[in-house]
């Protein structure tokens, strides 16, 4: 039996291994962060943009497993990620009003 001081961390590791998705980061959250960094847009704006970009053939929201796989694929494929970054930069470009508001906050 592990020592009492190691018991909590062993329990956390066991629980994390038992719960799907706990031990690995969410690819869509990672993609969102990458797109936020490259576009300068807010998380809310990027997540909304991703919701519109990651859809099925009839415009329906992808099932969670398919969406996660799509995000993983985009992150793995250099050209796909570059394309998504560029498209996000163009689509999420701040308007003049948003740019002025950012300047005034500084």
PDB file of N, CA and C in Angstrom:
ATOM      1  N   UNK A   1       0.851  -1.188   0.000  1.00  0.00           N
ATOM      2  CA  UNK A   1       0.000   0.000   0.000  1.00  0.00           C
ATOM      3  C   UNK A   1       0.884   1.234   0.000  1.00  0.00           C
ATOM      4  N   UNK A   2       0.531   2.266  -0.814  1.00  0.00           N
ATOM      5  CA  UNK A   2       1.335   3.480  -0.848  1.00  0.00           C
ATOM      6  C   UNK A   2       1.294   4.196   0.491  1.00  0.00           C
ATOM      7  N   UNK A   3       2.343   4.974   0.730  1.00  0.00           N
ATOM      8  CA  UNK A   3       2.382   5.745   1.971  1.00  0.00           C
ATOM      9  C   UNK A   3       1.235   6.753   1.965  1.00  0.00           C
ATOM     10  N   UNK A   4       0.763   7.153   3.168  1.00  0.00           N
ATOM     11  CA  UNK A   4      -0.371   8.086   3.233  1.00  0.00           C
ATOM     12  C   UNK A   4      -0.125   9.400   2.480  1.00  0.00           C
ATOM     13  N   UNK A   5       1.123   9.858   2.448  1.00  0.00           N
ATOM     14  CA  UNK A   5       1.391  11.121   1.759  1.00  0.00           C
ATOM     15  C   UNK A   5       1.269  10.983   0.245  1.00  0.00           C
ATOM     16  N   UNK A   6       1.476   9.770  -0.277  1.00  0.00           N
ATOM     17  CA  UNK A   6       1.380   9.551  -1.730  1.00  0.00           C
ATOM     18  C   UNK A   6      -0.004   9.099  -2.157  1.00  0.00           C
ATOM     19  N   UNK A   7      -0.842   8.748  -1.214  1.00  0.00           N
ATOM     20  CA  UNK A   7      -2.165   8.243  -1.529  1.00  0.00           C
ATOM     21  C   UNK A   7      -3.009   9.227  -2.330  1.00  0.00           C
ATOM     22  N   UNK A   8      -3.085  10.515  -1.949  1.00  0.00           N
ATOM     23  CA  UNK A   8      -3.916  11.431  -2.742  1.00  0.00           C
ATOM     24  C   UNK A   8      -3.455  11.548  -4.199  1.00  0.00           C
ATOM     25  N   UNK A   9      -2.151  11.659  -4.432  1.00  0.00           N
ATOM     26  CA  UNK A   9      -1.703  11.803  -5.817  1.00  0.00           C
ATOM     27  C   UNK A   9      -1.924  10.510  -6.596  1.00  0.00           C
ATOM     28  N   UNK A  10      -1.761   9.361  -5.939  1.00  0.00           N
ATOM     29  CA  UNK A  10      -2.034   8.091  -6.619  1.00  0.00           C
ATOM     30  C   UNK A  10      -3.509   7.985  -6.968  1.00  0.00           C
ATOM     31  N   UNK A  11      -4.374   8.452  -6.079  1.00  0.00           N
ATOM     32  CA  UNK A  11      -5.812   8.437  -6.327  1.00  0.00           C
ATOM     33  C   UNK A  11      -6.175   9.345  -7.499  1.00  0.00           C
ATOM     34  N   UNK A  12      -5.572  10.514  -7.547  1.00  0.00           N
ATOM     35  CA  UNK A  12      -5.836  11.455  -8.644  1.00  0.00           C
ATOM     36  C   UNK A  12      -5.415  10.844  -9.974  1.00  0.00           C
ATOM     37  N   UNK A  13      -4.243  10.217 -10.004  1.00  0.00           N
ATOM     38  CA  UNK A  13      -3.763   9.583 -11.239  1.00  0.00           C
ATOM     39  C   UNK A  13      -4.720   8.466 -11.657  1.00  0.00           C
ATOM     40  N   UNK A  14      -5.142   7.645 -10.711  1.00  0.00           N
ATOM     41  CA  UNK A  14      -6.059   6.546 -11.028  1.00  0.00           C
ATOM     42  C   UNK A  14      -7.383   7.078 -11.567  1.00  0.00           C
ATOM     43  N   UNK A  15      -7.931   8.098 -10.911  1.00  0.00           N
ATOM     44  CA  UNK A  15      -9.201   8.685 -11.359  1.00  0.00           C
ATOM     45  C   UNK A  15      -9.032   9.273 -12.752  1.00  0.00           C
ATOM     46  N   UNK A  16      -7.933   9.964 -12.968  1.00  0.00           N
ATOM     47  CA  UNK A  16      -7.701  10.594 -14.273  1.00  0.00           C
ATOM     48  C   UNK A  16      -7.586   9.551 -15.380  1.00  0.00           C
ATOM     49  N   UNK A  17      -6.969   8.415 -15.073  1.00  0.00           N
ATOM     50  CA  UNK A  17      -6.868   7.356 -16.077  1.00  0.00           C
ATOM     51  C   UNK A  17      -8.211   6.693 -16.334  1.00  0.00           C
ATOM     52  N   UNK A  18      -9.067   6.687 -15.332  1.00  0.00           N
ATOM     53  CA  UNK A  18     -10.372   6.049 -15.460  1.00  0.00           C
ATOM     54  C   UNK A  18     -11.389   6.920 -16.197  1.00  0.00           C
ATOM     55  N   UNK A  19     -11.218   8.224 -16.145  1.00  0.00           N
ATOM     56  CA  UNK A  19     -12.163   9.154 -16.758  1.00  0.00           C
ATOM     57  C   UNK A  19     -11.674   9.489 -18.168  1.00  0.00           C
ATOM     58  N   UNK A  20     -12.451   9.195 -19.202  1.00  0.00           N
ATOM     59  CA  UNK A  20     -12.026   9.493 -20.571  1.00  0.00           C
ATOM     60  C   UNK A  20     -11.779  10.985 -20.766  1.00  0.00           C
ATOM     61  N   UNK A  21     -10.669  11.296 -21.403  1.00  0.00           N
ATOM     62  CA  UNK A  21     -10.368  12.684 -21.721  1.00  0.00           C
ATOM     63  C   UNK A  21      -9.678  13.455 -20.619  1.00  0.00           C
ATOM     64  N   UNK A  22      -9.607  12.903 -19.432  1.00  0.00           N
ATOM     65  CA  UNK A  22      -9.015  13.620 -18.304  1.00  0.00           C
ATOM     66  C   UNK A  22      -7.511  13.781 -18.478  1.00  0.00           C
ATOM     67  N   UNK A  23      -6.860  12.746 -18.975  1.00  0.00           N
ATOM     68  CA  UNK A  23      -5.405  12.764 -19.024  1.00  0.00           C
ATOM     69  C   UNK A  23      -4.843  13.425 -20.279  1.00  0.00           C
ATOM     70  N   UNK A  24      -5.676  13.764 -21.225  1.00  0.00           N
ATOM     71  CA  UNK A  24      -5.160  14.404 -22.443  1.00  0.00           C
ATOM     72  C   UNK A  24      -5.959  15.675 -22.724  1.00  0.00           C
ATOM     73  N   UNK A  25      -5.270  16.690 -23.224  1.00  0.00           N
ATOM     74  CA  UNK A  25      -5.956  17.952 -23.483  1.00  0.00           C
ATOM     75  C   UNK A  25      -6.955  17.839 -24.630  1.00  0.00           C
ATOM     76  N   UNK A  26      -7.944  18.681 -24.600  1.00  0.00           N
ATOM     77  CA  UNK A  26      -8.969  18.723 -25.645  1.00  0.00           C
ATOM     78  C   UNK A  26      -8.381  19.373 -26.893  1.00  0.00           C
ATOM     79  N   UNK A  27      -8.321  18.649 -28.017  1.00  0.00           N
ATOM     80  CA  UNK A  27      -7.740  19.205 -29.237  1.00  0.00           C
ATOM     81  C   UNK A  27      -8.461  20.467 -29.721  1.00  0.00           C
ATOM     82  N   UNK A  28      -9.777  20.536 -29.534  1.00  0.00           N
ATOM     83  CA  UNK A  28     -10.509  21.721 -29.995  1.00  0.00           C
ATOM     84  C   UNK A  28     -10.170  22.937 -29.134  1.00  0.00           C
ATOM     85  N   UNK A  29      -9.929  22.728 -27.842  1.00  0.00           N
ATOM     86  CA  UNK A  29      -9.496  23.828 -26.980  1.00  0.00           C
ATOM     87  C   UNK A  29      -8.092  24.273 -27.376  1.00  0.00           C
ATOM     88  N   UNK A  30      -7.236  23.313 -27.718  1.00  0.00           N
ATOM     89  CA  UNK A  30      -5.886  23.654 -28.177  1.00  0.00           C
ATOM     90  C   UNK A  30      -5.949  24.444 -29.484  1.00  0.00           C
ATOM     91  N   UNK A  31      -6.771  23.994 -30.409  1.00  0.00           N
ATOM     92  CA  UNK A  31      -6.921  24.689 -31.692  1.00  0.00           C
ATOM     93  C   UNK A  31      -7.455  26.099 -31.462  1.00  0.00           C
ATOM     94  N   UNK A  32      -8.413  26.234 -30.585  1.00  0.00           N
ATOM     95  CA  UNK A  32      -8.969  27.547 -30.269  1.00  0.00           C
ATOM     96  C   UNK A  32      -7.883  28.480 -29.751  1.00  0.00           C
ATOM     97  N   UNK A  33      -7.035  27.979 -28.867  1.00  0.00           N
ATOM     98  CA  UNK A  33      -5.946  28.796 -28.313  1.00  0.00           C
ATOM     99  C   UNK A  33      -4.969  29.215 -29.403  1.00  0.00           C
ATOM    100  N   UNK A  34      -4.615  28.291 -30.276  1.00  0.00           N
ATOM    101  CA  UNK A  34      -3.707  28.611 -31.390  1.00  0.00           C
ATOM    102  C   UNK A  34      -4.313  29.711 -32.269  1.00  0.00           C
ATOM    103  N   UNK A  35      -5.610  29.579 -32.573  1.00  0.00           N
ATOM    104  CA  UNK A  35      -6.270  30.561 -33.437  1.00  0.00           C
ATOM    105  C   UNK A  35      -6.436  31.900 -32.732  1.00  0.00           C
ATOM    106  N   UNK A  36      -6.642  31.887 -31.425  1.00  0.00           N
ATOM    107  CA  UNK A  36      -6.710  33.144 -30.674  1.00  0.00           C
ATOM    108  C   UNK A  36      -5.377  33.870 -30.758  1.00  0.00           C
ATOM    109  N   UNK A  37      -4.296  33.115 -30.542  1.00  0.00           N
ATOM    110  CA  UNK A  37      -2.959  33.706 -30.571  1.00  0.00           C
ATOM    111  C   UNK A  37      -2.628  34.294 -31.932  1.00  0.00           C
ATOM    112  N   UNK A  38      -3.007  33.613 -32.996  1.00  0.00           N
ATOM    113  CA  UNK A  38      -2.640  34.091 -34.331  1.00  0.00           C
ATOM    114  C   UNK A  38      -3.578  35.172 -34.854  1.00  0.00           C
ATOM    115  N   UNK A  39      -4.828  35.200 -34.377  1.00  0.00           N
ATOM    116  CA  UNK A  39      -5.779  36.185 -34.899  1.00  0.00           C
ATOM    117  C   UNK A  39      -5.941  37.397 -33.984  1.00  0.00           C
ATOM    118  N   UNK A  40      -5.611  37.223 -32.717  1.00  0.00           N
ATOM    119  CA  UNK A  40      -5.821  38.301 -31.761  1.00  0.00           C
ATOM    120  C   UNK A  40      -7.269  38.426 -31.312  1.00  0.00           C
ATOM    121  N   UNK A  41      -8.108  37.500 -31.721  1.00  0.00           N
ATOM    122  CA  UNK A  41      -9.525  37.544 -31.368  1.00  0.00           C
ATOM    123  C   UNK A  41      -9.753  36.908 -29.992  1.00  0.00           C
ATOM    124  N   UNK A  42     -10.895  37.185 -29.418  1.00  0.00           N
ATOM    125  CA  UNK A  42     -11.241  36.626 -28.110  1.00  0.00           C
ATOM    126  C   UNK A  42     -11.575  35.142 -28.235  1.00  0.00           C
ATOM    127  N   UNK A  43     -11.537  34.459 -27.105  1.00  0.00           N
ATOM    128  CA  UNK A  43     -11.897  33.043 -27.083  1.00  0.00           C
ATOM    129  C   UNK A  43     -13.337  32.849 -27.556  1.00  0.00           C
ATOM    130  N   UNK A  44     -14.220  33.725 -27.120  1.00  0.00           N
ATOM    131  CA  UNK A  44     -15.625  33.638 -27.508  1.00  0.00           C
ATOM    132  C   UNK A  44     -15.772  33.762 -29.030  1.00  0.00           C
ATOM    133  N   UNK A  45     -15.065  34.721 -29.620  1.00  0.00           N
ATOM    134  CA  UNK A  45     -15.140  34.922 -31.073  1.00  0.00           C
ATOM    135  C   UNK A  45     -14.576  33.718 -31.819  1.00  0.00           C
ATOM    136  N   UNK A  46     -13.438  33.202 -31.358  1.00  0.00           N
ATOM    137  CA  UNK A  46     -12.806  32.056 -32.029  1.00  0.00           C
ATOM    138  C   UNK A  46     -13.669  30.808 -31.890  1.00  0.00           C
ATOM    139  N   UNK A  47     -14.209  30.577 -30.692  1.00  0.00           N
ATOM    140  CA  UNK A  47     -15.058  29.394 -30.508  1.00  0.00           C
ATOM    141  C   UNK A  47     -16.311  29.464 -31.378  1.00  0.00           C
ATOM    142  N   UNK A  48     -16.898  30.647 -31.516  1.00  0.00           N
ATOM    143  CA  UNK A  48     -18.046  30.824 -32.401  1.00  0.00           C
ATOM    144  C   UNK A  48     -17.667  30.575 -33.847  1.00  0.00           C
ATOM    145  N   UNK A  49     -16.490  31.070 -34.234  1.00  0.00           N
ATOM    146  CA  UNK A  49     -16.000  30.871 -35.597  1.00  0.00           C
ATOM    147  C   UNK A  49     -15.771  29.383 -35.860  1.00  0.00           C
ATOM    148  N   UNK A  50     -15.165  28.682 -34.892  1.00  0.00           N
ATOM    149  CA  UNK A  50     -14.938  27.244 -35.050  1.00  0.00           C
ATOM    150  C   UNK A  50     -16.253  26.474 -35.150  1.00  0.00           C
ATOM    151  N   UNK A  51     -17.261  26.914 -34.383  1.00  0.00           N
ATOM    152  CA  UNK A  51     -18.576  26.259 -34.469  1.00  0.00           C
ATOM    153  C   UNK A  51     -19.140  26.351 -35.883  1.00  0.00           C
ATOM    154  N   UNK A  52     -18.884  27.458 -36.566  1.00  0.00           N
ATOM    155  CA  UNK A  52     -19.375  27.627 -37.939  1.00  0.00           C
ATOM    156  C   UNK A  52     -18.500  26.888 -38.942  1.00  0.00           C
ATOM    157  N   UNK A  53     -17.199  26.765 -38.631  1.00  0.00           N
ATOM    158  CA  UNK A  53     -16.270  26.124 -39.566  1.00  0.00           C
ATOM    159  C   UNK A  53     -16.327  24.600 -39.495  1.00  0.00           C
ATOM    160  N   UNK A  54     -16.551  24.062 -38.313  1.00  0.00           N
ATOM    161  CA  UNK A  54     -16.533  22.606 -38.126  1.00  0.00           C
ATOM    162  C   UNK A  54     -17.957  22.058 -38.152  1.00  0.00           C
ATOM    163  N   UNK A  55     -18.480  21.949 -39.355  1.00  0.00           N
ATOM    164  CA  UNK A  55     -19.849  21.459 -39.527  1.00  0.00           C
ATOM    165  C   UNK A  55     -19.861  20.305 -40.533  1.00  0.00           C
ATOM    166  N   UNK A  56     -20.949  19.568 -40.522  1.00  0.00           N
ATOM    167  CA  UNK A  56     -21.126  18.459 -41.448  1.00  0.00           C
ATOM    168  C   UNK A  56     -21.525  18.942 -42.823  1.00  0.00           C
ATOM    169  N   UNK A  57     -21.765  18.023 -43.742  1.00  0.00           N
ATOM    170  CA  UNK A  57     -22.073  18.365 -45.129  1.00  0.00           C
ATOM    171  C   UNK A  57     -23.359  19.178 -45.305  1.00  0.00           C
ATOM    172  N   UNK A  58     -24.278  19.066 -44.361  1.00  0.00           N
ATOM    173  CA  UNK A  58     -25.529  19.834 -44.452  1.00  0.00           C
ATOM    174  C   UNK A  58     -25.554  21.002 -43.469  1.00  0.00           C
ATOM    175  N   UNK A  59     -24.372  21.361 -42.967  1.00  0.00           N
ATOM    176  CA  UNK A  59     -24.266  22.498 -42.057  1.00  0.00           C
ATOM    177  C   UNK A  59     -24.596  22.165 -40.612  1.00  0.00           C
ATOM    178  N   UNK A  60     -24.773  20.889 -40.300  1.00  0.00           N
ATOM    179  CA  UNK A  60     -25.107  20.505 -38.927  1.00  0.00           C
ATOM    180  C   UNK A  60     -23.829  20.414 -38.082  1.00  0.00           C
ATOM    181  N   UNK A  61     -23.990  20.633 -36.784  1.00  0.00           N
ATOM    182  CA  UNK A  61     -22.864  20.521 -35.860  1.00  0.00           C
ATOM    183  C   UNK A  61     -22.361  19.075 -35.874  1.00  0.00           C
ATOM    184  N   UNK A  62     -21.039  18.929 -35.898  1.00  0.00           N
ATOM    185  CA  UNK A  62     -20.449  17.599 -35.878  1.00  0.00           C
ATOM    186  C   UNK A  62     -20.639  16.949 -34.512  1.00  0.00           C
ATOM    187  N   UNK A  63     -20.823  15.639 -34.479  1.00  0.00           N
ATOM    188  CA  UNK A  63     -20.835  14.938 -33.188  1.00  0.00           C
ATOM    189  C   UNK A  63     -19.500  15.190 -32.469  1.00  0.00           C
ATOM    190  N   UNK A  64     -19.516  15.153 -31.149  1.00  0.00           N
ATOM    191  CA  UNK A  64     -18.317  15.491 -30.369  1.00  0.00           C
ATOM    192  C   UNK A  64     -17.087  14.692 -30.780  1.00  0.00           C
ATOM    193  N   UNK A  65     -17.223  13.394 -30.968  1.00  0.00           N
ATOM    194  CA  UNK A  65     -16.070  12.561 -31.333  1.00  0.00           C
ATOM    195  C   UNK A  65     -15.505  12.967 -32.695  1.00  0.00           C
ATOM    196  N   UNK A  66     -16.367  13.260 -33.647  1.00  0.00           N
ATOM    197  CA  UNK A  66     -15.940  13.667 -34.980  1.00  0.00           C
ATOM    198  C   UNK A  66     -15.282  15.043 -34.926  1.00  0.00           C
ATOM    199  N   UNK A  67     -15.864  15.944 -34.139  1.00  0.00           N
ATOM    200  CA  UNK A  67     -15.308  17.289 -33.967  1.00  0.00           C
ATOM    201  C   UNK A  67     -13.905  17.210 -33.348  1.00  0.00           C
ATOM    202  N   UNK A  68     -13.763  16.365 -32.336  1.00  0.00           N
ATOM    203  CA  UNK A  68     -12.456  16.199 -31.687  1.00  0.00           C
ATOM    204  C   UNK A  68     -11.433  15.659 -32.674  1.00  0.00           C
ATOM    205  N   UNK A  69     -11.834  14.691 -33.476  1.00  0.00           N
ATOM    206  CA  UNK A  69     -10.928  14.128 -34.477  1.00  0.00           C
ATOM    207  C   UNK A  69     -10.548  15.177 -35.525  1.00  0.00           C
ATOM    208  N   UNK A  70     -11.507  16.000 -35.935  1.00  0.00           N
ATOM    209  CA  UNK A  70     -11.231  17.056 -36.910  1.00  0.00           C
ATOM    210  C   UNK A  70     -10.213  18.052 -36.341  1.00  0.00           C
ATOM    211  N   UNK A  71     -10.391  18.444 -35.092  1.00  0.00           N
ATOM    212  CA  UNK A  71      -9.452  19.374 -34.458  1.00  0.00           C
ATOM    213  C   UNK A  71      -8.064  18.754 -34.354  1.00  0.00           C
ATOM    214  N   UNK A  72      -8.006  17.475 -33.999  1.00  0.00           N
ATOM    215  CA  UNK A  72      -6.720  16.765 -33.911  1.00  0.00           C
ATOM    216  C   UNK A  72      -6.024  16.743 -35.262  1.00  0.00           C
ATOM    217  N   UNK A  73      -6.785  16.457 -36.300  1.00  0.00           N
ATOM    218  CA  UNK A  73      -6.233  16.402 -37.653  1.00  0.00           C
ATOM    219  C   UNK A  73      -5.680  17.767 -38.072  1.00  0.00           C
ATOM    220  N   UNK A  74      -6.428  18.816 -37.813  1.00  0.00           N
ATOM    221  CA  UNK A  74      -5.983  20.170 -38.165  1.00  0.00           C
ATOM    222  C   UNK A  74      -4.689  20.508 -37.437  1.00  0.00           C
ATOM    223  N   UNK A  75      -4.610  20.167 -36.157  1.00  0.00           N
ATOM    224  CA  UNK A  75      -3.400  20.450 -35.381  1.00  0.00           C
ATOM    225  C   UNK A  75      -2.200  19.642 -35.873  1.00  0.00           C
ATOM    226  N   UNK A  76      -2.430  18.412 -36.342  1.00  0.00           N
ATOM    227  CA  UNK A  76      -1.342  17.550 -36.813  1.00  0.00           C
ATOM    228  C   UNK A  76      -0.830  17.945 -38.187  1.00  0.00           C
ATOM    229  N   UNK A  77      -1.726  18.395 -39.039  1.00  0.00           N
ATOM    230  CA  UNK A  77      -1.364  18.688 -40.432  1.00  0.00           C
ATOM    231  C   UNK A  77      -0.938  20.150 -40.584  1.00  0.00           C
ATOM    232  N   UNK A  78       0.329  20.343 -40.884  1.00  0.00           N
ATOM    233  CA  UNK A  78       0.910  21.682 -40.966  1.00  0.00           C
ATOM    234  C   UNK A  78       0.157  22.590 -41.944  1.00  0.00           C
ATOM    235  N   UNK A  79      -0.154  22.082 -43.125  1.00  0.00           N
ATOM    236  CA  UNK A  79      -0.842  22.892 -44.135  1.00  0.00           C
ATOM    237  C   UNK A  79      -2.270  23.232 -43.713  1.00  0.00           C
ATOM    238  N   UNK A  80      -2.960  22.263 -43.110  1.00  0.00           N
ATOM    239  CA  UNK A  80      -4.328  22.515 -42.643  1.00  0.00           C
ATOM    240  C   UNK A  80      -4.329  23.575 -41.552  1.00  0.00           C
ATOM    241  N   UNK A  81      -3.382  23.489 -40.629  1.00  0.00           N
ATOM    242  CA  UNK A  81      -3.296  24.468 -39.544  1.00  0.00           C
ATOM    243  C   UNK A  81      -2.976  25.853 -40.100  1.00  0.00           C
ATOM    244  N   UNK A  82      -2.066  25.920 -41.053  1.00  0.00           N
ATOM    245  CA  UNK A  82      -1.739  27.209 -41.668  1.00  0.00           C
ATOM    246  C   UNK A  82      -2.965  27.810 -42.356  1.00  0.00           C
ATOM    247  N   UNK A  83      -3.740  26.975 -43.028  1.00  0.00           N
ATOM    248  CA  UNK A  83      -4.952  27.448 -43.688  1.00  0.00           C
ATOM    249  C   UNK A  83      -5.987  27.953 -42.689  1.00  0.00           C
ATOM    250  N   UNK A  84      -6.162  27.215 -41.599  1.00  0.00           N
ATOM    251  CA  UNK A  84      -7.110  27.643 -40.568  1.00  0.00           C
ATOM    252  C   UNK A  84      -6.652  28.942 -39.912  1.00  0.00           C
ATOM    253  N   UNK A  85      -5.353  29.067 -39.655  1.00  0.00           N
ATOM    254  CA  UNK A  85      -4.835  30.312 -39.059  1.00  0.00           C
ATOM    255  C   UNK A  85      -5.119  31.502 -39.969  1.00  0.00           C
ATOM    256  N   UNK A  86      -4.838  31.340 -41.241  1.00  0.00           N
ATOM    257  CA  UNK A  86      -5.041  32.442 -42.190  1.00  0.00           C
ATOM    258  C   UNK A  86      -6.517  32.790 -42.307  1.00  0.00           C
ATOM    259  N   UNK A  87      -7.359  31.777 -42.425  1.00  0.00           N
ATOM    260  CA  UNK A  87      -8.807  32.015 -42.544  1.00  0.00           C
ATOM    261  C   UNK A  87      -9.339  32.697 -41.282  1.00  0.00           C
ATOM    262  N   UNK A  88      -8.882  32.259 -40.116  1.00  0.00           N
ATOM    263  CA  UNK A  88      -9.317  32.885 -38.856  1.00  0.00           C
ATOM    264  C   UNK A  88      -8.842  34.336 -38.793  1.00  0.00           C
ATOM    265  N   UNK A  89      -7.609  34.595 -39.207  1.00  0.00           N
ATOM    266  CA  UNK A  89      -7.097  35.982 -39.219  1.00  0.00           C
ATOM    267  C   UNK A  89      -7.956  36.880 -40.097  1.00  0.00           C
ATOM    268  N   UNK A  90      -8.338  36.351 -41.253  1.00  0.00           N
ATOM    269  CA  UNK A  90      -9.139  37.148 -42.187  1.00  0.00           C
ATOM    270  C   UNK A  90     -10.572  37.336 -41.666  1.00  0.00           C
ATOM    271  N   UNK A  91     -11.191  36.250 -41.202  1.00  0.00           N
ATOM    272  CA  UNK A  91     -12.588  36.306 -40.765  1.00  0.00           C
ATOM    273  C   UNK A  91     -12.762  37.030 -39.437  1.00  0.00           C
ATOM    274  N   UNK A  92     -11.761  36.966 -38.583  1.00  0.00           N
ATOM    275  CA  UNK A  92     -11.879  37.535 -37.240  1.00  0.00           C
ATOM    276  C   UNK A  92     -11.126  38.849 -37.098  1.00  0.00           C
ATOM    277  N   UNK A  93     -10.783  39.439 -38.240  1.00  0.00           N
ATOM    278  CA  UNK A  93     -10.061  40.709 -38.227  1.00  0.00           C
ATOM    279  C   UNK A  93     -10.904  41.744 -37.484  1.00  0.00           C
ATOM    280  N   UNK A  94     -10.295  42.446 -36.522  1.00  0.00           N
ATOM    281  CA  UNK A  94     -11.076  43.440 -35.774  1.00  0.00           C
ATOM    282  C   UNK A  94     -11.526  44.591 -36.674  1.00  0.00           C
ATOM    283  N   UNK A  95     -12.712  45.080 -36.390  1.00  0.00           N
ATOM    284  CA  UNK A  95     -13.208  46.248 -37.111  1.00  0.00           C
ATOM    285  C   UNK A  95     -12.516  47.483 -36.552  1.00  0.00           C
ATOM    286  N   UNK A  96     -12.676  48.595 -37.192  1.00  0.00           N
ATOM    287  CA  UNK A  96     -12.074  49.841 -36.717  1.00  0.00           C
ATOM    288  C   UNK A  96     -12.513  50.181 -35.307  1.00  0.00           C
ATOM    289  N   UNK A  97     -13.779  49.954 -34.985  1.00  0.00           N
ATOM    290  CA  UNK A  97     -14.300  50.253 -33.655  1.00  0.00           C
ATOM    291  C   UNK A  97     -13.623  49.384 -32.605  1.00  0.00           C
ATOM    292  N   UNK A  98     -13.476  48.083 -32.876  1.00  0.00           N
ATOM    293  CA  UNK A  98     -12.834  47.185 -31.922  1.00  0.00           C
ATOM    294  C   UNK A  98     -11.381  47.562 -31.718  1.00  0.00           C
ATOM    295  N   UNK A  99     -10.689  47.948 -32.795  1.00  0.00           N
ATOM    296  CA  UNK A  99      -9.292  48.352 -32.693  1.00  0.00           C
ATOM    297  C   UNK A  99      -9.167  49.589 -31.819  1.00  0.00           C
ATOM    298  N   UNK A 100     -10.055  50.574 -32.035  1.00  0.00           N
ATOM    299  CA  UNK A 100     -10.010  51.783 -31.210  1.00  0.00           C
ATOM    300  C   UNK A 100     -10.311  51.484 -29.755  1.00  0.00           C
ATOM    301  N   UNK A 101     -11.240  50.571 -29.494  1.00  0.00           N
ATOM    302  CA  UNK A 101     -11.560  50.202 -28.111  1.00  0.00           C
ATOM    303  C   UNK A 101     -10.366  49.553 -27.448  1.00  0.00           C
ATOM    304  N   UNK A 102      -9.633  48.714 -28.168  1.00  0.00           N
ATOM    305  CA  UNK A 102      -8.431  48.079 -27.605  1.00  0.00           C
ATOM    306  C   UNK A 102      -7.382  49.124 -27.284  1.00  0.00           C
ATOM    307  N   UNK A 103      -7.181  50.090 -28.180  1.00  0.00           N
ATOM    308  CA  UNK A 103      -6.199  51.148 -27.938  1.00  0.00           C
ATOM    309  C   UNK A 103      -6.564  51.958 -26.708  1.00  0.00           C
ATOM    310  N   UNK A 104      -7.843  52.259 -26.550  1.00  0.00           N
ATOM    311  CA  UNK A 104      -8.284  53.084 -25.431  1.00  0.00           C
ATOM    312  C   UNK A 104      -8.142  52.372 -24.100  1.00  0.00           C
ATOM    313  N   UNK A 105      -8.155  51.046 -24.100  1.00  0.00           N
ATOM    314  CA  UNK A 105      -8.004  50.284 -22.848  1.00  0.00           C
ATOM    315  C   UNK A 105      -6.573  50.310 -22.336  1.00  0.00           C
ATOM    316  N   UNK A 106      -5.632  50.533 -23.216  1.00  0.00           N
ATOM    317  CA  UNK A 106      -4.211  50.491 -22.822  1.00  0.00           C
ATOM    318  C   UNK A 106      -3.796  51.708 -22.067  1.00  0.00           C
TER     319      UNK A 106
END
